[in-house]
């Protein structure tokens, strides 16, 4: 991938490419991007999510994706799964970020951990339509018929 194409090409695992990371890093301070988090991480879950959205013909420009805890919660060596206390203590900043999206209408809670936040989502955002979906991890997508 060339430096020029890394700015415009949207492919799974895009952040695995150094030029793509550099091009996107240069855009991090753009007003419409600065408060948000990307979904081009170089892992299988991000790839599955990308491919499932593409297959469902959900335009990327019409969506935004976050983990239920929208930032790194690992120990510096490895990421860890969100726990109930992480969700409870970090939910307010997530709803603050959602207020930056004037056309926000739908929430899809992806995976069981995210589903635990359903009452908080509906309390904070009573007008949204709420859906639930299986998690796009390789374990779920590759081993449960109908999920992939």
N, C-alpha and C. Protein backbone atom coordinates (compact mmCIF):
# COMPACT_ATOMS: atom_id res chain seq x y z
N UNK A 1 0.86 -1.17 0.00
CA UNK A 1 0.00 0.00 0.00
C UNK A 1 0.90 1.23 0.00
N UNK A 2 0.68 2.14 -0.91
CA UNK A 2 1.48 3.36 -0.97
C UNK A 2 0.97 4.36 0.04
N UNK A 3 1.80 5.37 0.30
CA UNK A 3 1.40 6.40 1.25
C UNK A 3 0.13 7.10 0.78
N UNK A 4 0.04 7.39 -0.51
CA UNK A 4 -1.15 8.06 -1.03
C UNK A 4 -2.38 7.18 -0.91
N UNK A 5 -2.27 5.90 -1.27
CA UNK A 5 -3.45 5.04 -1.22
C UNK A 5 -3.86 4.73 0.21
N UNK A 6 -2.93 4.81 1.16
CA UNK A 6 -3.27 4.51 2.55
C UNK A 6 -4.25 5.53 3.12
N UNK A 7 -4.34 6.70 2.50
CA UNK A 7 -5.28 7.72 2.96
C UNK A 7 -6.71 7.43 2.52
N UNK A 8 -6.86 6.72 1.40
CA UNK A 8 -8.18 6.57 0.83
C UNK A 8 -8.71 5.14 0.82
N UNK A 9 -7.87 4.16 0.84
CA UNK A 9 -8.30 2.78 0.76
C UNK A 9 -8.76 2.30 2.13
N UNK A 10 -9.94 1.73 2.17
CA UNK A 10 -10.48 1.21 3.42
C UNK A 10 -10.47 -0.31 3.33
N UNK A 11 -9.57 -0.94 4.04
CA UNK A 11 -9.42 -2.39 4.02
C UNK A 11 -9.30 -2.91 5.44
N UNK A 12 -9.63 -4.18 5.67
CA UNK A 12 -9.46 -4.73 7.01
C UNK A 12 -7.99 -4.70 7.42
N UNK A 13 -7.75 -4.58 8.68
CA UNK A 13 -6.40 -4.59 9.27
C UNK A 13 -5.52 -3.47 8.72
N UNK A 14 -6.12 -2.38 8.30
CA UNK A 14 -5.37 -1.27 7.70
C UNK A 14 -4.26 -0.76 8.60
N UNK A 15 -4.46 -0.81 9.92
CA UNK A 15 -3.42 -0.32 10.81
C UNK A 15 -2.21 -1.24 10.91
N UNK A 16 -2.23 -2.36 10.20
CA UNK A 16 -1.06 -3.20 10.10
C UNK A 16 -0.02 -2.62 9.16
N UNK A 17 -0.43 -1.63 8.35
CA UNK A 17 0.44 -0.98 7.38
C UNK A 17 0.98 0.32 7.96
N UNK A 18 2.29 0.45 8.01
CA UNK A 18 2.92 1.62 8.63
C UNK A 18 2.53 2.92 7.93
N UNK A 19 2.45 2.93 6.61
CA UNK A 19 2.07 4.15 5.89
C UNK A 19 0.63 4.53 6.20
N UNK A 20 -0.25 3.54 6.33
CA UNK A 20 -1.64 3.83 6.67
C UNK A 20 -1.73 4.43 8.07
N UNK A 21 -0.97 3.87 9.01
CA UNK A 21 -0.98 4.43 10.36
C UNK A 21 -0.49 5.86 10.37
N UNK A 22 0.56 6.13 9.62
CA UNK A 22 1.11 7.49 9.58
C UNK A 22 0.11 8.47 8.96
N UNK A 23 -0.53 8.05 7.87
CA UNK A 23 -1.51 8.93 7.20
C UNK A 23 -2.69 9.22 8.12
N UNK A 24 -3.17 8.21 8.80
CA UNK A 24 -4.31 8.41 9.69
C UNK A 24 -3.91 9.19 10.94
N UNK A 25 -2.71 8.96 11.43
CA UNK A 25 -2.23 9.70 12.60
C UNK A 25 -2.20 11.20 12.29
N UNK A 26 -1.84 11.54 11.05
CA UNK A 26 -1.80 12.94 10.67
C UNK A 26 -3.19 13.59 10.70
N UNK A 27 -4.24 12.77 10.62
CA UNK A 27 -5.61 13.29 10.62
C UNK A 27 -6.25 13.31 12.00
N UNK A 28 -5.57 12.82 13.02
CA UNK A 28 -6.17 12.68 14.34
C UNK A 28 -6.68 13.98 14.95
N UNK A 29 -6.11 15.10 14.55
CA UNK A 29 -6.55 16.38 15.12
C UNK A 29 -7.65 17.05 14.32
N UNK A 30 -8.05 16.42 13.19
CA UNK A 30 -9.17 16.96 12.43
C UNK A 30 -10.39 17.00 13.35
N UNK A 31 -11.17 18.08 13.31
CA UNK A 31 -12.28 18.25 14.25
C UNK A 31 -13.29 17.10 14.27
N UNK A 32 -13.52 16.47 13.12
CA UNK A 32 -14.51 15.39 13.09
C UNK A 32 -13.93 14.04 13.50
N UNK A 33 -12.63 13.96 13.70
CA UNK A 33 -11.98 12.69 14.06
C UNK A 33 -11.42 12.71 15.48
N UNK A 34 -10.95 13.84 15.93
CA UNK A 34 -10.23 13.92 17.20
C UNK A 34 -10.90 13.21 18.37
N UNK A 35 -12.21 13.33 18.57
CA UNK A 35 -12.81 12.69 19.73
C UNK A 35 -13.16 11.21 19.54
N UNK A 36 -12.90 10.64 18.37
CA UNK A 36 -13.38 9.30 18.05
C UNK A 36 -12.23 8.27 18.01
N UNK A 37 -12.61 7.03 17.89
CA UNK A 37 -11.68 5.89 17.85
C UNK A 37 -11.91 5.10 16.57
N UNK A 38 -10.84 4.57 15.94
CA UNK A 38 -10.96 3.87 14.67
C UNK A 38 -11.27 2.38 14.84
N UNK A 39 -11.59 1.73 13.70
CA UNK A 39 -11.87 0.30 13.69
C UNK A 39 -10.99 -0.47 12.71
N UNK A 40 -9.83 0.05 12.39
CA UNK A 40 -8.93 -0.62 11.46
C UNK A 40 -7.78 -1.32 12.18
N UNK A 41 -8.00 -1.74 13.40
CA UNK A 41 -6.95 -2.43 14.14
C UNK A 41 -6.51 -3.69 13.40
N UNK A 42 -5.23 -4.05 13.53
CA UNK A 42 -4.71 -5.22 12.79
C UNK A 42 -4.97 -6.54 13.54
N UNK A 43 -6.24 -6.86 13.76
CA UNK A 43 -6.57 -8.12 14.41
C UNK A 43 -7.78 -8.75 13.74
N UNK A 44 -8.03 -10.00 14.02
CA UNK A 44 -9.10 -10.75 13.36
C UNK A 44 -10.49 -10.24 13.72
N UNK A 45 -10.69 -9.80 14.96
CA UNK A 45 -12.00 -9.29 15.34
C UNK A 45 -12.34 -8.04 14.53
N UNK A 46 -11.39 -7.12 14.41
CA UNK A 46 -11.62 -5.92 13.60
C UNK A 46 -11.87 -6.28 12.14
N UNK A 47 -11.12 -7.26 11.64
CA UNK A 47 -11.32 -7.70 10.26
C UNK A 47 -12.72 -8.28 10.08
N UNK A 48 -13.14 -9.14 10.99
CA UNK A 48 -14.48 -9.72 10.89
C UNK A 48 -15.56 -8.64 10.93
N UNK A 49 -15.39 -7.68 11.82
CA UNK A 49 -16.35 -6.59 11.92
C UNK A 49 -16.42 -5.81 10.60
N UNK A 50 -15.27 -5.51 10.06
CA UNK A 50 -15.18 -4.81 8.77
C UNK A 50 -15.93 -5.59 7.69
N UNK A 51 -15.62 -6.88 7.57
CA UNK A 51 -16.20 -7.71 6.53
C UNK A 51 -17.71 -7.89 6.72
N UNK A 52 -18.16 -8.06 7.96
CA UNK A 52 -19.59 -8.23 8.21
C UNK A 52 -20.38 -6.97 7.86
N UNK A 53 -19.82 -5.80 8.19
CA UNK A 53 -20.48 -4.53 7.81
C UNK A 53 -20.53 -4.40 6.29
N UNK A 54 -19.45 -4.78 5.64
CA UNK A 54 -19.40 -4.70 4.17
C UNK A 54 -20.44 -5.64 3.55
N UNK A 55 -20.50 -6.86 4.07
CA UNK A 55 -21.47 -7.85 3.55
C UNK A 55 -22.91 -7.38 3.76
N UNK A 56 -23.16 -6.70 4.87
CA UNK A 56 -24.50 -6.19 5.16
C UNK A 56 -24.79 -4.88 4.44
N UNK A 57 -23.85 -4.40 3.65
CA UNK A 57 -23.92 -3.13 2.91
C UNK A 57 -24.24 -1.95 3.83
N UNK A 58 -23.60 -1.97 4.98
CA UNK A 58 -23.72 -0.84 5.91
C UNK A 58 -22.59 0.12 5.59
N UNK A 59 -22.87 1.30 5.08
CA UNK A 59 -21.80 2.22 4.70
C UNK A 59 -21.00 2.71 5.91
N UNK A 60 -19.70 2.64 5.80
CA UNK A 60 -18.85 3.06 6.90
C UNK A 60 -19.12 4.50 7.30
N UNK A 61 -19.37 5.36 6.34
CA UNK A 61 -19.60 6.77 6.64
C UNK A 61 -20.85 7.00 7.49
N UNK A 62 -21.72 6.00 7.53
CA UNK A 62 -22.96 6.14 8.31
C UNK A 62 -22.85 5.50 9.69
N UNK A 63 -21.67 4.98 10.03
CA UNK A 63 -21.51 4.25 11.29
C UNK A 63 -20.27 4.69 12.05
N UNK A 64 -20.26 4.34 13.30
CA UNK A 64 -19.08 4.52 14.14
C UNK A 64 -19.05 3.35 15.11
N UNK A 65 -17.87 2.85 15.40
CA UNK A 65 -17.73 1.69 16.27
C UNK A 65 -16.83 2.00 17.45
N UNK A 66 -17.25 1.52 18.62
CA UNK A 66 -16.43 1.63 19.82
C UNK A 66 -16.53 0.33 20.59
N UNK A 67 -15.50 0.06 21.37
CA UNK A 67 -15.64 -0.95 22.41
C UNK A 67 -16.48 -0.33 23.51
N UNK A 68 -17.10 -1.15 24.33
CA UNK A 68 -17.93 -0.62 25.40
C UNK A 68 -17.09 0.24 26.35
N UNK A 69 -15.81 -0.08 26.47
CA UNK A 69 -14.85 0.81 27.13
C UNK A 69 -13.95 1.29 25.99
N UNK A 70 -14.12 2.55 25.56
CA UNK A 70 -13.51 3.00 24.30
C UNK A 70 -12.04 3.42 24.38
N UNK A 71 -11.25 2.75 25.17
CA UNK A 71 -9.81 2.99 25.18
C UNK A 71 -9.11 1.78 25.76
N UNK A 72 -7.83 1.79 25.66
CA UNK A 72 -7.00 0.67 26.08
C UNK A 72 -7.14 0.41 27.57
N UNK A 73 -7.35 -0.87 27.93
CA UNK A 73 -7.46 -1.23 29.35
C UNK A 73 -6.53 -2.39 29.70
N UNK A 74 -5.42 -2.49 28.98
CA UNK A 74 -4.46 -3.55 29.25
C UNK A 74 -3.41 -3.12 30.25
N UNK A 75 -2.37 -3.92 30.34
CA UNK A 75 -1.29 -3.66 31.29
C UNK A 75 -0.02 -3.16 30.61
N UNK A 76 -0.11 -2.77 29.37
CA UNK A 76 1.06 -2.31 28.61
C UNK A 76 1.67 -3.41 27.77
N UNK A 77 1.40 -4.65 28.13
CA UNK A 77 1.90 -5.80 27.38
C UNK A 77 0.78 -6.50 26.61
N UNK A 78 -0.41 -6.43 27.16
CA UNK A 78 -1.53 -7.16 26.58
C UNK A 78 -2.85 -6.48 26.93
N UNK A 79 -3.75 -6.45 25.96
CA UNK A 79 -5.09 -5.92 26.21
C UNK A 79 -5.85 -6.93 27.07
N UNK A 80 -6.79 -6.45 27.84
CA UNK A 80 -7.63 -7.37 28.60
C UNK A 80 -9.10 -7.06 28.32
N UNK A 81 -9.94 -8.01 28.58
CA UNK A 81 -11.37 -7.83 28.37
C UNK A 81 -11.93 -6.86 29.38
N UNK A 82 -12.95 -6.14 28.96
CA UNK A 82 -13.64 -5.22 29.87
C UNK A 82 -14.38 -6.02 30.94
N UNK A 83 -14.34 -5.49 32.15
CA UNK A 83 -15.06 -6.10 33.27
C UNK A 83 -16.20 -5.16 33.65
N UNK A 84 -17.11 -5.65 34.46
CA UNK A 84 -18.25 -4.84 34.88
C UNK A 84 -17.84 -3.52 35.47
N UNK A 85 -16.79 -3.51 36.28
CA UNK A 85 -16.35 -2.26 36.91
C UNK A 85 -15.80 -1.28 35.88
N UNK A 86 -15.17 -1.80 34.82
CA UNK A 86 -14.68 -0.93 33.74
C UNK A 86 -15.85 -0.24 33.05
N UNK A 87 -16.88 -1.01 32.77
CA UNK A 87 -18.04 -0.48 32.07
C UNK A 87 -18.73 0.57 32.93
N UNK A 88 -18.92 0.27 34.20
CA UNK A 88 -19.61 1.20 35.09
C UNK A 88 -18.84 2.50 35.26
N UNK A 89 -17.53 2.40 35.46
CA UNK A 89 -16.74 3.60 35.75
C UNK A 89 -16.42 4.43 34.51
N UNK A 90 -16.56 3.85 33.34
CA UNK A 90 -16.17 4.57 32.13
C UNK A 90 -17.32 4.83 31.18
N UNK A 91 -18.53 4.62 31.62
CA UNK A 91 -19.67 4.80 30.74
C UNK A 91 -19.96 6.27 30.45
N UNK A 92 -19.80 7.14 31.43
CA UNK A 92 -20.08 8.57 31.23
C UNK A 92 -19.25 9.18 30.09
N UNK A 93 -17.93 8.92 30.02
CA UNK A 93 -17.18 9.48 28.89
C UNK A 93 -17.67 8.96 27.54
N UNK A 94 -18.16 7.74 27.49
CA UNK A 94 -18.69 7.21 26.24
C UNK A 94 -19.94 7.99 25.82
N UNK A 95 -20.84 8.24 26.74
CA UNK A 95 -22.04 9.00 26.38
C UNK A 95 -21.70 10.44 26.01
N UNK A 96 -20.64 10.99 26.61
CA UNK A 96 -20.19 12.33 26.21
C UNK A 96 -19.75 12.33 24.75
N UNK A 97 -19.03 11.31 24.34
CA UNK A 97 -18.58 11.22 22.94
C UNK A 97 -19.78 11.05 22.00
N UNK A 98 -20.78 10.31 22.44
CA UNK A 98 -21.97 10.13 21.60
C UNK A 98 -22.68 11.45 21.35
N UNK A 99 -22.57 12.38 22.28
CA UNK A 99 -23.22 13.68 22.09
C UNK A 99 -22.58 14.47 20.94
N UNK A 100 -21.41 14.05 20.49
CA UNK A 100 -20.75 14.70 19.36
C UNK A 100 -21.36 14.28 18.02
N UNK A 101 -22.26 13.33 18.06
CA UNK A 101 -22.85 12.79 16.83
C UNK A 101 -24.30 13.25 16.71
N UNK A 102 -24.56 14.32 15.99
CA UNK A 102 -25.90 14.91 15.95
C UNK A 102 -26.97 14.02 15.32
N UNK A 103 -26.60 13.09 14.46
CA UNK A 103 -27.59 12.23 13.80
C UNK A 103 -27.64 10.82 14.39
N UNK A 104 -27.14 10.68 15.59
CA UNK A 104 -27.07 9.39 16.27
C UNK A 104 -28.47 8.85 16.54
N UNK A 105 -28.77 7.63 16.05
CA UNK A 105 -30.12 7.09 16.20
C UNK A 105 -30.17 5.65 16.70
N UNK A 106 -29.13 4.85 16.44
CA UNK A 106 -29.16 3.42 16.70
C UNK A 106 -27.91 2.99 17.45
N UNK A 107 -28.08 2.07 18.40
CA UNK A 107 -26.95 1.44 19.09
C UNK A 107 -27.06 -0.05 18.87
N UNK A 108 -25.96 -0.66 18.45
CA UNK A 108 -25.88 -2.11 18.35
C UNK A 108 -24.86 -2.56 19.39
N UNK A 109 -25.33 -3.28 20.37
CA UNK A 109 -24.46 -3.82 21.41
C UNK A 109 -23.94 -5.15 20.91
N UNK A 110 -22.62 -5.21 20.72
CA UNK A 110 -22.00 -6.37 20.08
C UNK A 110 -21.28 -7.21 21.14
N UNK A 111 -21.82 -8.36 21.41
CA UNK A 111 -21.24 -9.26 22.38
C UNK A 111 -21.90 -9.16 23.74
N UNK A 112 -21.70 -10.19 24.56
CA UNK A 112 -22.37 -10.25 25.86
C UNK A 112 -21.94 -9.16 26.82
N UNK A 113 -20.66 -8.80 26.80
CA UNK A 113 -20.21 -7.74 27.72
C UNK A 113 -20.86 -6.41 27.38
N UNK A 114 -20.94 -6.10 26.11
CA UNK A 114 -21.60 -4.86 25.70
C UNK A 114 -23.10 -4.91 26.04
N UNK A 115 -23.70 -6.09 25.91
CA UNK A 115 -25.13 -6.21 26.22
C UNK A 115 -25.44 -5.87 27.67
N UNK A 116 -24.46 -6.08 28.56
CA UNK A 116 -24.67 -5.73 29.97
C UNK A 116 -24.90 -4.23 30.16
N UNK A 117 -24.48 -3.44 29.19
CA UNK A 117 -24.64 -1.99 29.29
C UNK A 117 -25.99 -1.52 28.77
N UNK A 118 -26.84 -2.42 28.30
CA UNK A 118 -28.13 -2.02 27.73
C UNK A 118 -28.93 -1.09 28.64
N UNK A 119 -29.10 -1.41 29.94
CA UNK A 119 -29.85 -0.48 30.79
C UNK A 119 -29.24 0.91 30.87
N UNK A 120 -27.91 0.98 30.93
CA UNK A 120 -27.23 2.28 30.98
C UNK A 120 -27.41 3.05 29.68
N UNK A 121 -27.32 2.34 28.56
CA UNK A 121 -27.49 2.99 27.26
C UNK A 121 -28.89 3.59 27.16
N UNK A 122 -29.89 2.81 27.52
CA UNK A 122 -31.26 3.29 27.41
C UNK A 122 -31.56 4.41 28.41
N UNK A 123 -30.92 4.37 29.55
CA UNK A 123 -31.09 5.46 30.52
C UNK A 123 -30.46 6.75 30.00
N UNK A 124 -29.25 6.64 29.45
CA UNK A 124 -28.53 7.82 28.97
C UNK A 124 -29.07 8.32 27.64
N UNK A 125 -29.56 7.41 26.81
CA UNK A 125 -30.00 7.75 25.45
C UNK A 125 -31.37 7.13 25.19
N UNK A 126 -32.41 7.65 25.84
CA UNK A 126 -33.73 6.99 25.77
C UNK A 126 -34.38 6.97 24.40
N UNK A 127 -33.90 7.77 23.46
CA UNK A 127 -34.55 7.81 22.14
C UNK A 127 -33.89 6.89 21.11
N UNK A 128 -32.78 6.23 21.46
CA UNK A 128 -32.12 5.38 20.47
C UNK A 128 -32.84 4.05 20.31
N UNK A 129 -32.68 3.45 19.15
CA UNK A 129 -33.14 2.10 18.90
C UNK A 129 -31.97 1.18 19.26
N UNK A 130 -32.24 0.15 20.04
CA UNK A 130 -31.19 -0.72 20.56
C UNK A 130 -31.28 -2.11 19.95
N UNK A 131 -30.15 -2.59 19.41
CA UNK A 131 -30.05 -3.95 18.87
C UNK A 131 -28.93 -4.67 19.59
N UNK A 132 -28.97 -5.98 19.54
CA UNK A 132 -27.90 -6.82 20.10
C UNK A 132 -27.37 -7.71 18.97
N UNK A 133 -26.07 -8.01 19.03
CA UNK A 133 -25.44 -8.82 18.00
C UNK A 133 -24.36 -9.69 18.63
N UNK A 134 -24.09 -10.87 18.05
CA UNK A 134 -22.95 -11.66 18.52
C UNK A 134 -21.65 -10.89 18.31
N UNK A 135 -20.65 -11.17 19.12
CA UNK A 135 -19.34 -10.55 18.99
C UNK A 135 -18.64 -11.06 17.72
N UNK A 136 -17.91 -10.21 17.00
CA UNK A 136 -17.27 -10.65 15.76
C UNK A 136 -15.90 -11.31 15.96
N UNK A 137 -15.61 -11.82 17.14
CA UNK A 137 -14.33 -12.49 17.35
C UNK A 137 -14.26 -13.75 16.49
N UNK A 138 -13.06 -14.19 16.14
CA UNK A 138 -12.94 -15.42 15.36
C UNK A 138 -13.60 -16.62 16.05
N UNK A 139 -13.53 -16.69 17.35
CA UNK A 139 -14.15 -17.80 18.08
C UNK A 139 -15.65 -17.86 17.82
N UNK A 140 -16.31 -16.72 17.84
CA UNK A 140 -17.76 -16.68 17.62
C UNK A 140 -18.09 -16.85 16.14
N UNK A 141 -17.46 -16.07 15.28
CA UNK A 141 -17.79 -16.08 13.85
C UNK A 141 -17.47 -17.43 13.21
N UNK A 142 -16.32 -18.00 13.55
CA UNK A 142 -15.89 -19.22 12.88
C UNK A 142 -16.50 -20.50 13.45
N UNK A 143 -17.08 -20.45 14.63
CA UNK A 143 -17.53 -21.67 15.28
C UNK A 143 -19.02 -21.74 15.58
N UNK A 144 -19.76 -20.72 15.23
CA UNK A 144 -21.20 -20.74 15.50
C UNK A 144 -21.93 -20.49 14.17
N UNK A 145 -22.57 -21.52 13.63
CA UNK A 145 -23.27 -21.35 12.35
C UNK A 145 -24.26 -20.18 12.41
N UNK A 146 -24.30 -19.44 11.33
CA UNK A 146 -25.22 -18.32 11.24
C UNK A 146 -24.66 -17.02 11.72
N UNK A 147 -23.49 -17.01 12.34
CA UNK A 147 -22.89 -15.78 12.84
C UNK A 147 -21.96 -15.13 11.84
N UNK A 148 -21.56 -15.83 10.80
CA UNK A 148 -20.55 -15.27 9.92
C UNK A 148 -20.98 -15.02 8.55
